[in-house]
């Protein structure tokens, strides 16, 4: 625990940098290719949203959360690629992740967008 406290700023910077990279690369790709899919991010928490709109708050997000079929398809696609996410399709970037993990995840999500949307 002391080690974490001593290195907390470094860990947080790493997590936010990786999360930001994932969000930007996926969202820019989807925007460029007119896919109705985005990653919504708060700090290191990611959540897929099946829209091409900017979702600014919980009320707006709830309009798109009703698309369970696509969420299940996304979740199963990630599970097929050994990426485990929560039941509501949220996932989290942690200090255990690295750039290679993020690059792999970006490729998998892009492939999902191309083949499944």
C-alpha atoms as a PDB file:
ATOM      1  CA  UNK A   1       0.000   0.000   0.000  1.00  0.00           C
ATOM      2  CA  UNK A   2       2.852   2.391   0.794  1.00  0.00           C
ATOM      3  CA  UNK A   3       4.331   1.714  -2.618  1.00  0.00           C
ATOM      4  CA  UNK A   4       1.062   2.706  -4.251  1.00  0.00           C
ATOM      5  CA  UNK A   5       0.786   5.893  -2.206  1.00  0.00           C
ATOM      6  CA  UNK A   6       4.358   6.807  -3.021  1.00  0.00           C
ATOM      7  CA  UNK A   7       3.769   6.279  -6.778  1.00  0.00           C
ATOM      8  CA  UNK A   8       0.140   7.325  -7.026  1.00  0.00           C
ATOM      9  CA  UNK A   9       0.707  10.279  -9.370  1.00  0.00           C
ATOM     10  CA  UNK A  10       2.788   8.181 -11.746  1.00  0.00           C
ATOM     11  CA  UNK A  11       0.156   5.409 -11.767  1.00  0.00           C
ATOM     12  CA  UNK A  12      -2.703   7.827 -12.329  1.00  0.00           C
ATOM     13  CA  UNK A  13      -0.866   9.538 -15.182  1.00  0.00           C
ATOM     14  CA  UNK A  14      -0.241   6.182 -16.865  1.00  0.00           C
ATOM     15  CA  UNK A  15      -3.865   5.087 -16.498  1.00  0.00           C
ATOM     16  CA  UNK A  16      -5.273   8.361 -17.835  1.00  0.00           C
ATOM     17  CA  UNK A  17      -2.809   8.384 -20.749  1.00  0.00           C
ATOM     18  CA  UNK A  18      -3.772   4.834 -21.773  1.00  0.00           C
ATOM     19  CA  UNK A  19      -7.486   5.521 -21.331  1.00  0.00           C
ATOM     20  CA  UNK A  20      -7.277   8.691 -23.379  1.00  0.00           C
ATOM     21  CA  UNK A  21      -5.419   6.879 -26.167  1.00  0.00           C
ATOM     22  CA  UNK A  22      -8.029   4.123 -26.337  1.00  0.00           C
ATOM     23  CA  UNK A  23     -10.933   6.553 -26.363  1.00  0.00           C
ATOM     24  CA  UNK A  24      -9.440   8.844 -29.007  1.00  0.00           C
ATOM     25  CA  UNK A  25      -8.292   6.112 -31.385  1.00  0.00           C
ATOM     26  CA  UNK A  26     -11.578   4.205 -31.308  1.00  0.00           C
ATOM     27  CA  UNK A  27     -13.795   7.281 -31.457  1.00  0.00           C
ATOM     28  CA  UNK A  28     -11.811   8.944 -34.238  1.00  0.00           C
ATOM     29  CA  UNK A  29     -11.910   5.729 -36.277  1.00  0.00           C
ATOM     30  CA  UNK A  30     -15.673   5.376 -35.793  1.00  0.00           C
ATOM     31  CA  UNK A  31     -16.295   9.028 -36.572  1.00  0.00           C
ATOM     32  CA  UNK A  32     -14.173   8.849 -39.744  1.00  0.00           C
ATOM     33  CA  UNK A  33     -16.033   5.722 -40.906  1.00  0.00           C
ATOM     34  CA  UNK A  34     -19.531   6.851 -39.868  1.00  0.00           C
ATOM     35  CA  UNK A  35     -20.033   4.005 -37.390  1.00  0.00           C
ATOM     36  CA  UNK A  36     -22.709   4.506 -34.756  1.00  0.00           C
ATOM     37  CA  UNK A  37     -20.382   3.524 -31.961  1.00  0.00           C
ATOM     38  CA  UNK A  38     -18.335   5.445 -29.416  1.00  0.00           C
ATOM     39  CA  UNK A  39     -16.498   4.797 -26.203  1.00  0.00           C
ATOM     40  CA  UNK A  40     -17.700   7.023 -23.431  1.00  0.00           C
ATOM     41  CA  UNK A  41     -14.976   7.593 -20.863  1.00  0.00           C
ATOM     42  CA  UNK A  42     -14.805   8.895 -17.354  1.00  0.00           C
ATOM     43  CA  UNK A  43     -11.222   8.790 -16.112  1.00  0.00           C
ATOM     44  CA  UNK A  44     -10.297   5.121 -16.657  1.00  0.00           C
ATOM     45  CA  UNK A  45     -13.830   3.732 -17.004  1.00  0.00           C
ATOM     46  CA  UNK A  46     -14.990   2.973 -20.548  1.00  0.00           C
ATOM     47  CA  UNK A  47     -18.447   2.206 -21.773  1.00  0.00           C
ATOM     48  CA  UNK A  48     -19.631   1.526 -25.324  1.00  0.00           C
ATOM     49  CA  UNK A  49     -22.389   3.753 -26.672  1.00  0.00           C
ATOM     50  CA  UNK A  50     -24.090   2.835 -29.939  1.00  0.00           C
ATOM     51  CA  UNK A  51     -24.521   6.269 -31.449  1.00  0.00           C
ATOM     52  CA  UNK A  52     -22.647   8.757 -33.590  1.00  0.00           C
ATOM     53  CA  UNK A  53     -23.670  11.626 -31.306  1.00  0.00           C
ATOM     54  CA  UNK A  54     -21.724  13.186 -28.485  1.00  0.00           C
ATOM     55  CA  UNK A  55     -23.316  11.952 -25.286  1.00  0.00           C
ATOM     56  CA  UNK A  56     -22.874  14.537 -22.581  1.00  0.00           C
ATOM     57  CA  UNK A  57     -24.803  13.189 -19.624  1.00  0.00           C
ATOM     58  CA  UNK A  58     -26.522  10.179 -18.091  1.00  0.00           C
ATOM     59  CA  UNK A  59     -29.963  11.046 -19.486  1.00  0.00           C
ATOM     60  CA  UNK A  60     -28.605  11.167 -23.034  1.00  0.00           C
ATOM     61  CA  UNK A  61     -26.636   7.959 -22.504  1.00  0.00           C
ATOM     62  CA  UNK A  62     -29.717   6.108 -21.279  1.00  0.00           C
ATOM     63  CA  UNK A  63     -31.337   6.599 -24.700  1.00  0.00           C
ATOM     64  CA  UNK A  64     -28.576   4.466 -26.214  1.00  0.00           C
ATOM     65  CA  UNK A  65     -28.241   1.972 -23.350  1.00  0.00           C
ATOM     66  CA  UNK A  66     -31.511   0.399 -24.425  1.00  0.00           C
ATOM     67  CA  UNK A  67     -29.811  -1.252 -27.389  1.00  0.00           C
ATOM     68  CA  UNK A  68     -29.129  -4.509 -25.540  1.00  0.00           C
ATOM     69  CA  UNK A  69     -28.679  -6.591 -28.660  1.00  0.00           C
ATOM     70  CA  UNK A  70     -25.682  -4.578 -29.820  1.00  0.00           C
ATOM     71  CA  UNK A  71     -24.255  -4.442 -26.307  1.00  0.00           C
ATOM     72  CA  UNK A  72     -24.481  -8.218 -25.985  1.00  0.00           C
ATOM     73  CA  UNK A  73     -22.887  -8.611 -29.415  1.00  0.00           C
ATOM     74  CA  UNK A  74     -20.041  -6.299 -28.343  1.00  0.00           C
ATOM     75  CA  UNK A  75     -19.566  -8.072 -25.023  1.00  0.00           C
ATOM     76  CA  UNK A  76     -19.513 -11.508 -26.662  1.00  0.00           C
ATOM     77  CA  UNK A  77     -17.098 -10.299 -29.325  1.00  0.00           C
ATOM     78  CA  UNK A  78     -14.686  -9.095 -26.651  1.00  0.00           C
ATOM     79  CA  UNK A  79     -15.116 -12.314 -24.661  1.00  0.00           C
ATOM     80  CA  UNK A  80     -14.308 -14.298 -27.821  1.00  0.00           C
ATOM     81  CA  UNK A  81     -11.038 -12.354 -27.870  1.00  0.00           C
ATOM     82  CA  UNK A  82     -10.320 -13.055 -24.184  1.00  0.00           C
ATOM     83  CA  UNK A  83     -11.235  -9.564 -23.038  1.00  0.00           C
ATOM     84  CA  UNK A  84     -13.429  -9.642 -19.980  1.00  0.00           C
ATOM     85  CA  UNK A  85     -15.832  -6.819 -19.220  1.00  0.00           C
ATOM     86  CA  UNK A  86     -18.647  -6.213 -16.755  1.00  0.00           C
ATOM     87  CA  UNK A  87     -22.250  -7.254 -17.322  1.00  0.00           C
ATOM     88  CA  UNK A  88     -23.182  -3.691 -18.383  1.00  0.00           C
ATOM     89  CA  UNK A  89     -20.245  -3.676 -20.857  1.00  0.00           C
ATOM     90  CA  UNK A  90     -18.181  -1.215 -18.870  1.00  0.00           C
ATOM     91  CA  UNK A  91     -14.501  -1.907 -18.615  1.00  0.00           C
ATOM     92  CA  UNK A  92     -11.636  -0.353 -16.795  1.00  0.00           C
ATOM     93  CA  UNK A  93      -8.073   0.536 -17.610  1.00  0.00           C
ATOM     94  CA  UNK A  94      -5.675  -0.168 -14.768  1.00  0.00           C
ATOM     95  CA  UNK A  95      -2.029   0.226 -13.934  1.00  0.00           C
ATOM     96  CA  UNK A  96      -1.583  -3.411 -15.037  1.00  0.00           C
ATOM     97  CA  UNK A  97      -2.305  -2.421 -18.657  1.00  0.00           C
ATOM     98  CA  UNK A  98       0.317  -1.161 -21.058  1.00  0.00           C
ATOM     99  CA  UNK A  99       0.465   0.413 -24.527  1.00  0.00           C
ATOM    100  CA  UNK A 100       0.580  -2.986 -26.195  1.00  0.00           C
ATOM    101  CA  UNK A 101      -2.656  -3.993 -24.436  1.00  0.00           C
ATOM    102  CA  UNK A 102      -4.325  -0.776 -25.561  1.00  0.00           C
ATOM    103  CA  UNK A 103      -3.115  -1.174 -29.147  1.00  0.00           C
ATOM    104  CA  UNK A 104      -4.501  -4.718 -29.209  1.00  0.00           C
ATOM    105  CA  UNK A 105      -7.822  -3.586 -27.783  1.00  0.00           C
ATOM    106  CA  UNK A 106      -8.059  -0.757 -30.331  1.00  0.00           C
ATOM    107  CA  UNK A 107      -7.544  -3.270 -33.158  1.00  0.00           C
ATOM    108  CA  UNK A 108     -10.172  -5.620 -31.759  1.00  0.00           C
ATOM    109  CA  UNK A 109     -12.746  -2.847 -31.315  1.00  0.00           C
ATOM    110  CA  UNK A 110     -12.056  -1.511 -34.820  1.00  0.00           C
ATOM    111  CA  UNK A 111     -12.537  -5.001 -36.203  1.00  0.00           C
ATOM    112  CA  UNK A 112     -15.835  -5.260 -34.307  1.00  0.00           C
ATOM    113  CA  UNK A 113     -16.973  -1.950 -35.786  1.00  0.00           C
ATOM    114  CA  UNK A 114     -16.096  -2.986 -39.331  1.00  0.00           C
ATOM    115  CA  UNK A 115     -17.587  -6.490 -39.135  1.00  0.00           C
ATOM    116  CA  UNK A 116     -20.510  -6.146 -36.722  1.00  0.00           C
ATOM    117  CA  UNK A 117     -21.980  -2.641 -37.040  1.00  0.00           C
END
